Amino acid sequence: MPRTSPSGEVPARGKRADAQRNQRTLLTAAAEVFVTSGVDAPIREITARAGVGLGTIYRHFPTRADLVVAVYRHQVEACAEAGPSLLESAGSPLAALRQWVDLFVDFLVTKHGLANALQSDSAGFDALHTYFLDHLVPVCGQLLDAAVGAGEIRPGTQPYELMRGVGNLCVGRDSDPRYDPRRLVGLLLRGLESPRQS
């Protein structure tokens, strides 16, 4: 139980933990809204989904670019953390890879509009791209290696190559609602599978 000061106030540590929870809630809500409505979605839509007031979001993220970058980093971290967890919980390495690629597609859909949100800050965009590669390429490699080791997929696919292929299949989703990248990503993953043993 947190100790209180003589005035009855909870120490800053409790406030920081509460603020961190609010921030995580906001980032999760913003990511969900960005997937359905894009990065230009009204801030009120995000606060309604998060169950907080406008003041809370502006206290954490003074500008839309701040929010978009924070969502991007949050999703990179969540995607990176999901890889090892999926390897432990999924029925097979291939099932883990499929589930992870599905999360990666969610991330890519959210990422659309990032460059516009950052406007001319190419250095900031480059730094985020490096952050993305540093965190996600090793995780994708771990999943691929596990699936190859289990004999579920053919060897030889590089993690960056797979991620780039999935990314390319996601291009165009924003401009054409009839286009479903997940179906083609599923076909791509089936193409990696080892021939079934008779």
N, C-alpha and C. Protein backbone atom coordinates (compact mmCIF):
# COMPACT_ATOMS: atom_id res chain seq x y z
N MET A 1 0.86 -1.19 0.00
CA MET A 1 0.00 0.00 0.00
C MET A 1 0.89 1.24 0.00
N PRO A 2 0.67 2.21 -0.90
CA PRO A 2 1.55 3.37 -0.95
C PRO A 2 1.40 4.22 0.29
N ARG A 3 2.52 4.70 0.78
CA ARG A 3 2.49 5.60 1.93
C ARG A 3 2.03 6.97 1.49
N THR A 4 1.40 7.70 2.40
CA THR A 4 0.97 9.06 2.07
C THR A 4 1.77 10.05 2.89
N SER A 5 1.83 11.25 2.37
CA SER A 5 2.50 12.33 3.10
C SER A 5 1.55 12.85 4.16
N PRO A 6 2.04 13.72 5.07
CA PRO A 6 1.15 14.27 6.10
C PRO A 6 -0.08 14.94 5.51
N SER A 7 0.01 15.46 4.29
CA SER A 7 -1.14 16.13 3.69
C SER A 7 -2.10 15.13 3.05
N GLY A 8 -1.72 13.82 3.08
CA GLY A 8 -2.59 12.80 2.52
C GLY A 8 -2.33 12.50 1.05
N GLU A 9 -1.30 13.11 0.47
CA GLU A 9 -1.01 12.89 -0.95
C GLU A 9 -0.20 11.61 -1.13
N VAL A 10 -0.47 10.90 -2.22
CA VAL A 10 0.31 9.71 -2.56
C VAL A 10 1.62 10.18 -3.17
N PRO A 11 2.75 9.55 -2.84
CA PRO A 11 4.02 9.97 -3.41
C PRO A 11 4.01 9.91 -4.93
N ALA A 12 4.99 10.61 -5.53
CA ALA A 12 5.07 10.73 -6.99
C ALA A 12 5.13 9.37 -7.68
N ARG A 13 5.75 8.36 -7.01
CA ARG A 13 5.89 7.05 -7.65
C ARG A 13 4.52 6.50 -8.03
N GLY A 14 3.51 6.61 -7.13
CA GLY A 14 2.16 6.15 -7.43
C GLY A 14 1.56 6.90 -8.60
N LYS A 15 1.81 8.20 -8.64
CA LYS A 15 1.30 9.01 -9.74
C LYS A 15 1.97 8.59 -11.05
N ARG A 16 3.27 8.31 -10.99
CA ARG A 16 3.96 7.90 -12.21
C ARG A 16 3.40 6.59 -12.74
N ALA A 17 3.12 5.63 -11.84
CA ALA A 17 2.57 4.34 -12.27
C ALA A 17 1.20 4.55 -12.91
N ASP A 18 0.39 5.42 -12.33
CA ASP A 18 -0.93 5.73 -12.87
C ASP A 18 -0.79 6.39 -14.24
N ALA A 19 0.15 7.31 -14.35
CA ALA A 19 0.38 8.00 -15.63
C ALA A 19 0.84 7.03 -16.69
N GLN A 20 1.69 6.07 -16.30
CA GLN A 20 2.15 5.07 -17.27
C GLN A 20 1.00 4.19 -17.75
N ARG A 21 0.11 3.83 -16.82
CA ARG A 21 -1.06 3.04 -17.23
C ARG A 21 -1.93 3.82 -18.20
N ASN A 22 -2.16 5.10 -17.88
CA ASN A 22 -2.95 5.96 -18.78
C ASN A 22 -2.30 6.04 -20.15
N GLN A 23 -0.98 6.18 -20.16
CA GLN A 23 -0.26 6.31 -21.43
C GLN A 23 -0.40 5.02 -22.25
N ARG A 24 -0.24 3.86 -21.60
CA ARG A 24 -0.38 2.58 -22.31
C ARG A 24 -1.80 2.43 -22.87
N THR A 25 -2.80 2.80 -22.06
CA THR A 25 -4.19 2.73 -22.50
C THR A 25 -4.42 3.61 -23.72
N LEU A 26 -3.86 4.82 -23.67
CA LEU A 26 -3.99 5.75 -24.80
C LEU A 26 -3.32 5.21 -26.05
N LEU A 27 -2.13 4.64 -25.90
CA LEU A 27 -1.40 4.12 -27.05
C LEU A 27 -2.14 2.95 -27.69
N THR A 28 -2.69 2.07 -26.85
CA THR A 28 -3.45 0.94 -27.38
C THR A 28 -4.69 1.42 -28.11
N ALA A 29 -5.41 2.37 -27.50
CA ALA A 29 -6.61 2.91 -28.13
C ALA A 29 -6.27 3.62 -29.43
N ALA A 30 -5.20 4.41 -29.43
CA ALA A 30 -4.81 5.14 -30.64
C ALA A 30 -4.44 4.18 -31.75
N ALA A 31 -3.72 3.11 -31.42
CA ALA A 31 -3.34 2.12 -32.44
C ALA A 31 -4.58 1.50 -33.06
N GLU A 32 -5.59 1.16 -32.24
CA GLU A 32 -6.82 0.57 -32.76
C GLU A 32 -7.56 1.56 -33.67
N VAL A 33 -7.61 2.81 -33.25
CA VAL A 33 -8.29 3.83 -34.06
C VAL A 33 -7.54 4.08 -35.35
N PHE A 34 -6.21 4.10 -35.29
CA PHE A 34 -5.41 4.33 -36.50
C PHE A 34 -5.63 3.22 -37.53
N VAL A 35 -5.80 1.98 -37.05
CA VAL A 35 -6.03 0.86 -37.98
C VAL A 35 -7.33 1.09 -38.75
N THR A 36 -8.38 1.54 -38.06
CA THR A 36 -9.68 1.68 -38.72
C THR A 36 -9.87 3.03 -39.39
N SER A 37 -9.29 4.10 -38.81
CA SER A 37 -9.58 5.46 -39.31
C SER A 37 -8.36 6.22 -39.79
N GLY A 38 -7.15 5.65 -39.68
CA GLY A 38 -5.95 6.34 -40.12
C GLY A 38 -5.40 7.28 -39.06
N VAL A 39 -4.18 7.77 -39.30
CA VAL A 39 -3.51 8.61 -38.30
C VAL A 39 -4.12 10.00 -38.19
N ASP A 40 -4.99 10.36 -39.12
CA ASP A 40 -5.66 11.66 -39.05
C ASP A 40 -7.00 11.58 -38.33
N ALA A 41 -7.27 10.46 -37.70
CA ALA A 41 -8.54 10.28 -36.97
C ALA A 41 -8.70 11.36 -35.91
N PRO A 42 -9.94 11.77 -35.64
CA PRO A 42 -10.16 12.79 -34.60
C PRO A 42 -9.63 12.32 -33.24
N ILE A 43 -9.00 13.23 -32.53
CA ILE A 43 -8.46 12.91 -31.19
C ILE A 43 -9.58 12.46 -30.27
N ARG A 44 -10.78 13.03 -30.45
CA ARG A 44 -11.91 12.64 -29.59
C ARG A 44 -12.26 11.16 -29.75
N GLU A 45 -12.06 10.63 -30.94
CA GLU A 45 -12.33 9.20 -31.16
C GLU A 45 -11.37 8.35 -30.32
N ILE A 46 -10.12 8.80 -30.21
CA ILE A 46 -9.12 8.07 -29.44
C ILE A 46 -9.42 8.17 -27.95
N THR A 47 -9.74 9.38 -27.48
CA THR A 47 -10.01 9.55 -26.05
C THR A 47 -11.27 8.78 -25.64
N ALA A 48 -12.28 8.74 -26.54
CA ALA A 48 -13.50 7.99 -26.22
C ALA A 48 -13.19 6.51 -26.07
N ARG A 49 -12.36 5.98 -26.98
CA ARG A 49 -12.02 4.56 -26.90
C ARG A 49 -11.19 4.26 -25.66
N ALA A 50 -10.31 5.21 -25.29
CA ALA A 50 -9.45 5.01 -24.11
C ALA A 50 -10.18 5.29 -22.81
N GLY A 51 -11.31 6.01 -22.88
CA GLY A 51 -12.05 6.35 -21.67
C GLY A 51 -11.38 7.44 -20.85
N VAL A 52 -10.71 8.38 -21.54
CA VAL A 52 -10.05 9.49 -20.84
C VAL A 52 -10.49 10.81 -21.49
N GLY A 53 -10.16 11.91 -20.82
CA GLY A 53 -10.49 13.23 -21.35
C GLY A 53 -9.43 13.74 -22.31
N LEU A 54 -9.79 14.80 -23.04
CA LEU A 54 -8.86 15.40 -23.99
C LEU A 54 -7.60 15.90 -23.30
N GLY A 55 -7.76 16.46 -22.09
CA GLY A 55 -6.60 16.98 -21.37
C GLY A 55 -5.55 15.91 -21.12
N THR A 56 -6.00 14.67 -20.87
CA THR A 56 -5.07 13.58 -20.58
C THR A 56 -4.21 13.28 -21.80
N ILE A 57 -4.82 13.22 -22.97
CA ILE A 57 -4.04 12.88 -24.16
C ILE A 57 -3.06 13.99 -24.50
N TYR A 58 -3.48 15.25 -24.34
CA TYR A 58 -2.56 16.35 -24.66
C TYR A 58 -1.45 16.50 -23.63
N ARG A 59 -1.71 16.06 -22.40
CA ARG A 59 -0.67 16.09 -21.38
C ARG A 59 0.44 15.10 -21.73
N HIS A 60 0.07 13.95 -22.27
CA HIS A 60 1.06 12.93 -22.65
C HIS A 60 1.66 13.21 -24.03
N PHE A 61 0.83 13.69 -24.95
CA PHE A 61 1.25 13.86 -26.35
C PHE A 61 0.78 15.22 -26.86
N PRO A 62 1.62 16.24 -26.71
CA PRO A 62 1.21 17.61 -27.06
C PRO A 62 0.83 17.78 -28.54
N THR A 63 1.42 16.99 -29.45
CA THR A 63 1.10 17.12 -30.87
C THR A 63 0.69 15.76 -31.43
N ARG A 64 0.03 15.80 -32.57
CA ARG A 64 -0.35 14.54 -33.23
C ARG A 64 0.89 13.72 -33.60
N ALA A 65 1.95 14.42 -34.06
CA ALA A 65 3.18 13.70 -34.41
C ALA A 65 3.74 12.96 -33.20
N ASP A 66 3.69 13.59 -32.02
CA ASP A 66 4.15 12.93 -30.79
C ASP A 66 3.37 11.64 -30.55
N LEU A 67 2.06 11.71 -30.75
CA LEU A 67 1.20 10.55 -30.53
C LEU A 67 1.50 9.46 -31.55
N VAL A 68 1.62 9.83 -32.82
CA VAL A 68 1.86 8.84 -33.87
C VAL A 68 3.19 8.13 -33.65
N VAL A 69 4.23 8.89 -33.32
CA VAL A 69 5.54 8.29 -33.08
C VAL A 69 5.48 7.36 -31.86
N ALA A 70 4.80 7.78 -30.81
CA ALA A 70 4.69 6.94 -29.61
C ALA A 70 3.93 5.64 -29.92
N VAL A 71 2.87 5.73 -30.73
CA VAL A 71 2.13 4.53 -31.12
C VAL A 71 3.04 3.60 -31.92
N TYR A 72 3.79 4.18 -32.83
CA TYR A 72 4.71 3.41 -33.66
C TYR A 72 5.71 2.63 -32.79
N ARG A 73 6.34 3.33 -31.86
CA ARG A 73 7.33 2.69 -30.99
C ARG A 73 6.66 1.64 -30.09
N HIS A 74 5.50 1.96 -29.58
CA HIS A 74 4.75 1.04 -28.71
C HIS A 74 4.43 -0.25 -29.46
N GLN A 75 4.01 -0.12 -30.72
CA GLN A 75 3.66 -1.30 -31.50
C GLN A 75 4.90 -2.11 -31.89
N VAL A 76 6.00 -1.43 -32.18
CA VAL A 76 7.24 -2.15 -32.46
C VAL A 76 7.61 -3.00 -31.24
N GLU A 77 7.55 -2.40 -30.07
CA GLU A 77 7.91 -3.12 -28.85
C GLU A 77 6.97 -4.28 -28.59
N ALA A 78 5.66 -4.06 -28.78
CA ALA A 78 4.69 -5.13 -28.55
C ALA A 78 4.90 -6.27 -29.54
N CYS A 79 5.19 -5.93 -30.79
CA CYS A 79 5.43 -6.95 -31.82
C CYS A 79 6.70 -7.74 -31.50
N ALA A 80 7.73 -7.04 -31.04
CA ALA A 80 8.99 -7.71 -30.69
C ALA A 80 8.79 -8.65 -29.50
N GLU A 81 8.05 -8.20 -28.49
CA GLU A 81 7.81 -9.03 -27.31
C GLU A 81 6.92 -10.22 -27.62
N ALA A 82 6.05 -10.09 -28.62
CA ALA A 82 5.10 -11.17 -28.95
C ALA A 82 5.80 -12.39 -29.53
N GLY A 83 6.90 -12.20 -30.26
CA GLY A 83 7.56 -13.33 -30.92
C GLY A 83 7.90 -14.46 -29.98
N PRO A 84 8.73 -14.24 -28.96
CA PRO A 84 9.08 -15.32 -28.03
C PRO A 84 7.87 -15.89 -27.30
N SER A 85 6.90 -15.04 -26.96
CA SER A 85 5.70 -15.52 -26.27
C SER A 85 4.91 -16.47 -27.16
N LEU A 86 4.78 -16.11 -28.44
CA LEU A 86 4.05 -16.97 -29.37
C LEU A 86 4.76 -18.30 -29.57
N LEU A 87 6.08 -18.28 -29.61
CA LEU A 87 6.82 -19.55 -29.75
C LEU A 87 6.53 -20.49 -28.59
N GLU A 88 6.32 -19.93 -27.42
CA GLU A 88 6.03 -20.76 -26.24
C GLU A 88 4.59 -21.24 -26.22
N SER A 89 3.65 -20.38 -26.69
CA SER A 89 2.23 -20.69 -26.50
C SER A 89 1.55 -21.30 -27.72
N ALA A 90 2.04 -21.02 -28.92
CA ALA A 90 1.38 -21.53 -30.13
C ALA A 90 1.62 -23.03 -30.27
N GLY A 91 0.79 -23.68 -31.05
CA GLY A 91 0.90 -25.13 -31.21
C GLY A 91 2.15 -25.58 -31.94
N SER A 92 2.73 -24.70 -32.74
CA SER A 92 3.93 -25.05 -33.51
C SER A 92 4.66 -23.77 -33.88
N PRO A 93 5.94 -23.87 -34.27
CA PRO A 93 6.64 -22.66 -34.73
C PRO A 93 5.97 -21.99 -35.92
N LEU A 94 5.40 -22.79 -36.84
CA LEU A 94 4.72 -22.20 -37.99
C LEU A 94 3.47 -21.44 -37.55
N ALA A 95 2.73 -22.00 -36.59
CA ALA A 95 1.56 -21.29 -36.06
C ALA A 95 1.99 -19.98 -35.40
N ALA A 96 3.11 -20.02 -34.67
CA ALA A 96 3.64 -18.81 -34.04
C ALA A 96 4.02 -17.77 -35.10
N LEU A 97 4.66 -18.23 -36.17
CA LEU A 97 5.06 -17.32 -37.25
C LEU A 97 3.83 -16.68 -37.88
N ARG A 98 2.80 -17.49 -38.14
CA ARG A 98 1.56 -16.95 -38.75
C ARG A 98 0.93 -15.88 -37.85
N GLN A 99 0.85 -16.18 -36.55
CA GLN A 99 0.24 -15.23 -35.62
C GLN A 99 1.08 -13.95 -35.53
N TRP A 100 2.40 -14.11 -35.54
CA TRP A 100 3.27 -12.94 -35.46
C TRP A 100 3.14 -12.09 -36.72
N VAL A 101 3.08 -12.73 -37.88
CA VAL A 101 2.93 -11.97 -39.13
C VAL A 101 1.60 -11.22 -39.13
N ASP A 102 0.56 -11.81 -38.54
CA ASP A 102 -0.73 -11.12 -38.43
C ASP A 102 -0.60 -9.85 -37.60
N LEU A 103 0.14 -9.94 -36.48
CA LEU A 103 0.41 -8.75 -35.67
C LEU A 103 1.23 -7.73 -36.46
N PHE A 104 2.17 -8.21 -37.24
CA PHE A 104 3.02 -7.35 -38.06
C PHE A 104 2.18 -6.61 -39.10
N VAL A 105 1.20 -7.29 -39.68
CA VAL A 105 0.30 -6.64 -40.64
C VAL A 105 -0.48 -5.53 -39.94
N ASP A 106 -0.99 -5.80 -38.73
CA ASP A 106 -1.67 -4.76 -37.96
C ASP A 106 -0.77 -3.55 -37.79
N PHE A 107 0.47 -3.82 -37.44
CA PHE A 107 1.44 -2.74 -37.25
C PHE A 107 1.63 -1.95 -38.55
N LEU A 108 1.78 -2.64 -39.67
CA LEU A 108 2.02 -1.96 -40.94
C LEU A 108 0.82 -1.11 -41.35
N VAL A 109 -0.37 -1.60 -41.08
CA VAL A 109 -1.57 -0.83 -41.41
C VAL A 109 -1.60 0.45 -40.57
N THR A 110 -1.24 0.34 -39.30
CA THR A 110 -1.20 1.51 -38.42
C THR A 110 -0.13 2.51 -38.87
N LYS A 111 0.97 1.99 -39.41
CA LYS A 111 2.12 2.82 -39.78
C LYS A 111 1.79 3.76 -40.94
N HIS A 112 0.82 3.41 -41.78
CA HIS A 112 0.50 4.26 -42.93
C HIS A 112 0.17 5.67 -42.46
N GLY A 113 0.72 6.64 -43.08
CA GLY A 113 0.51 8.03 -42.70
C GLY A 113 1.57 8.55 -41.76
N LEU A 114 2.50 7.70 -41.35
CA LEU A 114 3.55 8.14 -40.41
C LEU A 114 4.38 9.27 -41.02
N ALA A 115 4.78 9.12 -42.27
CA ALA A 115 5.61 10.14 -42.91
C ALA A 115 4.89 11.47 -42.95
N ASN A 116 3.58 11.45 -43.26
CA ASN A 116 2.83 12.70 -43.29
C ASN A 116 2.74 13.33 -41.90
N ALA A 117 2.57 12.49 -40.88
CA ALA A 117 2.47 13.01 -39.52
C ALA A 117 3.78 13.67 -39.09
N LEU A 118 4.92 13.11 -39.54
CA LEU A 118 6.22 13.68 -39.19
C LEU A 118 6.60 14.84 -40.11
N GLN A 119 5.82 15.00 -41.18
CA GLN A 119 6.03 16.05 -42.18
C GLN A 119 7.45 15.99 -42.71
N SER A 120 8.25 17.02 -42.52
CA SER A 120 9.56 17.04 -43.18
C SER A 120 10.69 16.52 -42.28
N ASP A 121 10.33 15.92 -41.16
CA ASP A 121 11.37 15.45 -40.22
C ASP A 121 11.92 14.11 -40.69
N SER A 122 12.74 14.14 -41.75
CA SER A 122 13.27 12.89 -42.31
C SER A 122 14.22 12.20 -41.34
N ALA A 123 14.93 12.98 -40.52
CA ALA A 123 15.84 12.38 -39.54
C ALA A 123 15.05 11.57 -38.51
N GLY A 124 13.91 12.11 -38.09
CA GLY A 124 13.06 11.39 -37.14
C GLY A 124 12.50 10.12 -37.76
N PHE A 125 12.12 10.20 -39.03
CA PHE A 125 11.60 9.03 -39.73
C PHE A 125 12.69 7.96 -39.86
N ASP A 126 13.90 8.38 -40.22
CA ASP A 126 15.02 7.44 -40.35
C ASP A 126 15.33 6.76 -39.02
N ALA A 127 15.28 7.52 -37.93
CA ALA A 127 15.56 6.96 -36.61
C ALA A 127 14.51 5.90 -36.25
N LEU A 128 13.25 6.17 -36.59
CA LEU A 128 12.19 5.20 -36.31
C LEU A 128 12.35 3.94 -37.17
N HIS A 129 12.77 4.12 -38.41
CA HIS A 129 12.97 2.97 -39.29
C HIS A 129 14.09 2.07 -38.74
N THR A 130 15.16 2.69 -38.25
CA THR A 130 16.26 1.93 -37.64
C THR A 130 15.76 1.20 -36.39
N TYR A 131 14.96 1.86 -35.59
CA TYR A 131 14.38 1.27 -34.38
C TYR A 131 13.55 0.04 -34.75
N PHE A 132 12.75 0.18 -35.80
CA PHE A 132 11.91 -0.89 -36.32
C PHE A 132 12.76 -2.10 -36.73
N LEU A 133 13.80 -1.86 -37.53
CA LEU A 133 14.65 -2.96 -38.00
C LEU A 133 15.39 -3.63 -36.85
N ASP A 134 15.96 -2.82 -35.95
CA ASP A 134 16.73 -3.37 -34.83
C ASP A 134 15.89 -4.26 -33.93
N HIS A 135 14.61 -3.94 -33.77
CA HIS A 135 13.76 -4.69 -32.85
C HIS A 135 13.05 -5.87 -33.51
N LEU A 136 12.66 -5.73 -34.78
CA LEU A 136 11.79 -6.75 -35.38
C LEU A 136 12.51 -7.77 -36.25
N VAL A 137 13.57 -7.40 -36.93
CA VAL A 137 14.26 -8.37 -37.79
C VAL A 137 14.77 -9.57 -36.97
N PRO A 138 15.40 -9.37 -35.81
CA PRO A 138 15.85 -10.55 -35.04
C PRO A 138 14.70 -11.46 -34.59
N VAL A 139 13.56 -10.86 -34.25
CA VAL A 139 12.41 -11.66 -33.81
C VAL A 139 11.88 -12.49 -34.97
N CYS A 140 11.75 -11.87 -36.13
CA CYS A 140 11.30 -12.60 -37.32
C CYS A 140 12.28 -13.73 -37.63
N GLY A 141 13.56 -13.46 -37.50
CA GLY A 141 14.58 -14.49 -37.73
C GLY A 141 14.45 -15.65 -36.77
N GLN A 142 14.16 -15.37 -35.51
CA GLN A 142 13.98 -16.43 -34.51
C GLN A 142 12.79 -17.32 -34.88
N LEU A 143 11.70 -16.69 -35.31
CA LEU A 143 10.51 -17.46 -35.70
C LEU A 143 10.77 -18.31 -36.94
N LEU A 144 11.44 -17.72 -37.93
CA LEU A 144 11.77 -18.47 -39.14
C LEU A 144 12.68 -19.66 -38.82
N ASP A 145 13.71 -19.41 -38.01
CA ASP A 145 14.65 -20.49 -37.65
C ASP A 145 13.93 -21.63 -36.94
N ALA A 146 13.00 -21.28 -36.05
CA ALA A 146 12.26 -22.32 -35.31
C ALA A 146 11.39 -23.14 -36.26
N ALA A 147 10.75 -22.48 -37.23
CA ALA A 147 9.89 -23.18 -38.18
C ALA A 147 10.72 -24.05 -39.12
N VAL A 148 11.89 -23.56 -39.52
CA VAL A 148 12.79 -24.37 -40.35
C VAL A 148 13.28 -25.58 -39.55
N GLY A 149 13.67 -25.34 -38.29
CA GLY A 149 14.16 -26.41 -37.43
C GLY A 149 13.12 -27.50 -37.19
N ALA A 150 11.84 -27.11 -37.20
CA ALA A 150 10.76 -28.08 -37.00
C ALA A 150 10.36 -28.75 -38.32
N GLY A 151 11.02 -28.36 -39.42
CA GLY A 151 10.70 -28.94 -40.72
C GLY A 151 9.40 -28.45 -41.32
N GLU A 152 8.89 -27.31 -40.81
CA GLU A 152 7.59 -26.82 -41.26
C GLU A 152 7.70 -25.89 -42.48
N ILE A 153 8.83 -25.20 -42.62
CA ILE A 153 9.02 -24.36 -43.79
C ILE A 153 10.39 -24.65 -44.41
N ARG A 154 10.51 -24.28 -45.66
CA ARG A 154 11.78 -24.48 -46.36
C ARG A 154 12.83 -23.51 -45.80
N PRO A 155 14.08 -23.90 -45.77
CA PRO A 155 15.13 -22.96 -45.35
C PRO A 155 15.41 -21.95 -46.47
N GLY A 156 16.08 -20.87 -46.11
CA GLY A 156 16.56 -19.94 -47.12
C GLY A 156 15.88 -18.59 -47.13
N THR A 157 14.74 -18.44 -46.46
CA THR A 157 14.06 -17.13 -46.43
C THR A 157 14.69 -16.27 -45.34
N GLN A 158 15.13 -15.09 -45.71
CA GLN A 158 15.73 -14.17 -44.75
C GLN A 158 14.64 -13.33 -44.07
N PRO A 159 14.82 -13.00 -42.79
CA PRO A 159 13.77 -12.26 -42.09
C PRO A 159 13.44 -10.91 -42.73
N TYR A 160 14.46 -10.16 -43.14
CA TYR A 160 14.18 -8.86 -43.76
C TYR A 160 13.40 -9.05 -45.06
N GLU A 161 13.76 -10.08 -45.81
CA GLU A 161 13.10 -10.39 -47.07
C GLU A 161 11.61 -10.68 -46.85
N LEU A 162 11.30 -11.50 -45.84
CA LEU A 162 9.90 -11.81 -45.54
C LEU A 162 9.15 -10.56 -45.10
N MET A 163 9.76 -9.78 -44.19
CA MET A 163 9.10 -8.57 -43.71
C MET A 163 8.86 -7.58 -44.84
N ARG A 164 9.83 -7.46 -45.72
CA ARG A 164 9.67 -6.55 -46.87
C ARG A 164 8.55 -7.03 -47.79
N GLY A 165 8.49 -8.35 -48.02
CA GLY A 165 7.43 -8.92 -48.85
C GLY A 165 6.05 -8.67 -48.25
N VAL A 166 5.91 -8.89 -46.94
CA VAL A 166 4.64 -8.64 -46.27
C VAL A 166 4.29 -7.16 -46.37
N GLY A 167 5.29 -6.30 -46.16
CA GLY A 167 5.06 -4.86 -46.26
C GLY A 167 4.58 -4.45 -47.64
N ASN A 168 5.19 -5.01 -48.66
CA ASN A 168 4.78 -4.68 -50.03
C ASN A 168 3.35 -5.12 -50.31
N LEU A 169 2.93 -6.25 -49.73
CA LEU A 169 1.56 -6.72 -49.93
C LEU A 169 0.54 -5.83 -49.21
N CYS A 170 1.00 -5.12 -48.19
CA CYS A 170 0.08 -4.24 -47.45
C CYS A 170 -0.12 -2.88 -48.13
N VAL A 171 0.74 -2.54 -49.08
CA VAL A 171 0.61 -1.27 -49.77
C VAL A 171 -0.67 -1.27 -50.60
N GLY A 172 -1.41 -0.19 -50.53
CA GLY A 172 -2.63 -0.08 -51.33
C GLY A 172 -3.90 -0.35 -50.58
N ARG A 173 -3.79 -0.85 -49.35
CA ARG A 173 -4.98 -1.13 -48.57
C ARG A 173 -5.78 0.14 -48.29
N ASP A 174 -5.10 1.24 -48.02
CA ASP A 174 -5.77 2.50 -47.69
C ASP A 174 -6.61 3.02 -48.85
N SER A 175 -6.10 2.87 -50.06
CA SER A 175 -6.77 3.48 -51.21
C SER A 175 -7.82 2.57 -51.87
N ASP A 176 -7.88 1.31 -51.46
CA ASP A 176 -8.83 0.38 -52.07
C ASP A 176 -9.42 -0.55 -51.02
N PRO A 177 -10.64 -0.25 -50.55
CA PRO A 177 -11.24 -1.07 -49.50
C PRO A 177 -11.52 -2.51 -49.93
N ARG A 178 -11.51 -2.78 -51.24
CA ARG A 178 -11.74 -4.15 -51.73
C ARG A 178 -10.50 -5.01 -51.59
N TYR A 179 -9.36 -4.37 -51.34
CA TYR A 179 -8.10 -5.10 -51.28
C TYR A 179 -7.84 -5.60 -49.86
N ASP A 180 -7.63 -6.91 -49.73
CA ASP A 180 -7.37 -7.51 -48.42
C ASP A 180 -5.96 -8.09 -48.41
N PRO A 181 -5.00 -7.36 -47.83
CA PRO A 181 -3.63 -7.87 -47.83
C PRO A 181 -3.46 -9.16 -47.05
N ARG A 182 -4.30 -9.41 -46.06
CA ARG A 182 -4.14 -10.60 -45.23
C ARG A 182 -4.30 -11.89 -46.06
N ARG A 183 -5.18 -11.86 -47.03
CA ARG A 183 -5.37 -13.05 -47.85
C ARG A 183 -4.09 -13.36 -48.63
N LEU A 184 -3.47 -12.33 -49.20
CA LEU A 184 -2.25 -12.56 -49.97
C LEU A 184 -1.07 -12.88 -49.06
N VAL A 185 -1.03 -12.30 -47.88
CA VAL A 185 0.02 -12.64 -46.92
C VAL A 185 -0.10 -14.11 -46.53
N GLY A 186 -1.34 -14.58 -46.36
CA GLY A 186 -1.56 -16.00 -46.07
C GLY A 186 -1.03 -16.89 -47.18
N LEU A 187 -1.25 -16.47 -48.43
CA LEU A 187 -0.72 -17.24 -49.57
C LEU A 187 0.81 -17.24 -49.56
N LEU A 188 1.39 -16.09 -49.22
CA LEU A 188 2.85 -16.01 -49.14
C LEU A 188 3.40 -17.00 -48.11
N LEU A 189 2.78 -17.04 -46.94
CA LEU A 189 3.25 -17.95 -45.89
C LEU A 189 3.05 -19.41 -46.29
N ARG A 190 1.95 -19.71 -46.97
CA ARG A 190 1.75 -21.09 -47.44
C ARG A 190 2.83 -21.48 -48.44
N GLY A 191 3.30 -20.51 -49.21
CA GLY A 191 4.36 -20.78 -50.17
C GLY A 191 5.69 -21.12 -49.51
N LEU A 192 5.87 -20.74 -48.23
CA LEU A 192 7.11 -21.06 -47.52
C LEU A 192 7.11 -22.47 -46.95
N GLU A 193 5.92 -23.06 -46.86
CA GLU A 193 5.81 -24.35 -46.18
C GLU A 193 6.58 -25.45 -46.92
N SER A 194 7.12 -26.36 -46.14
CA SER A 194 7.81 -27.54 -46.71
C SER A 194 6.77 -28.44 -47.37
N PRO A 195 7.15 -29.15 -48.43
CA PRO A 195 6.21 -30.09 -49.04
C PRO A 195 5.78 -31.13 -48.02
N ARG A 196 4.50 -31.47 -48.03
CA ARG A 196 3.99 -32.43 -47.05
C ARG A 196 4.58 -33.82 -47.32
N GLN A 197 4.95 -34.46 -46.24
CA GLN A 197 5.48 -35.84 -46.35
C GLN A 197 4.32 -36.80 -46.61
N SER A 198 4.52 -37.74 -47.51
CA SER A 198 3.44 -38.69 -47.79
C SER A 198 3.51 -39.85 -46.83
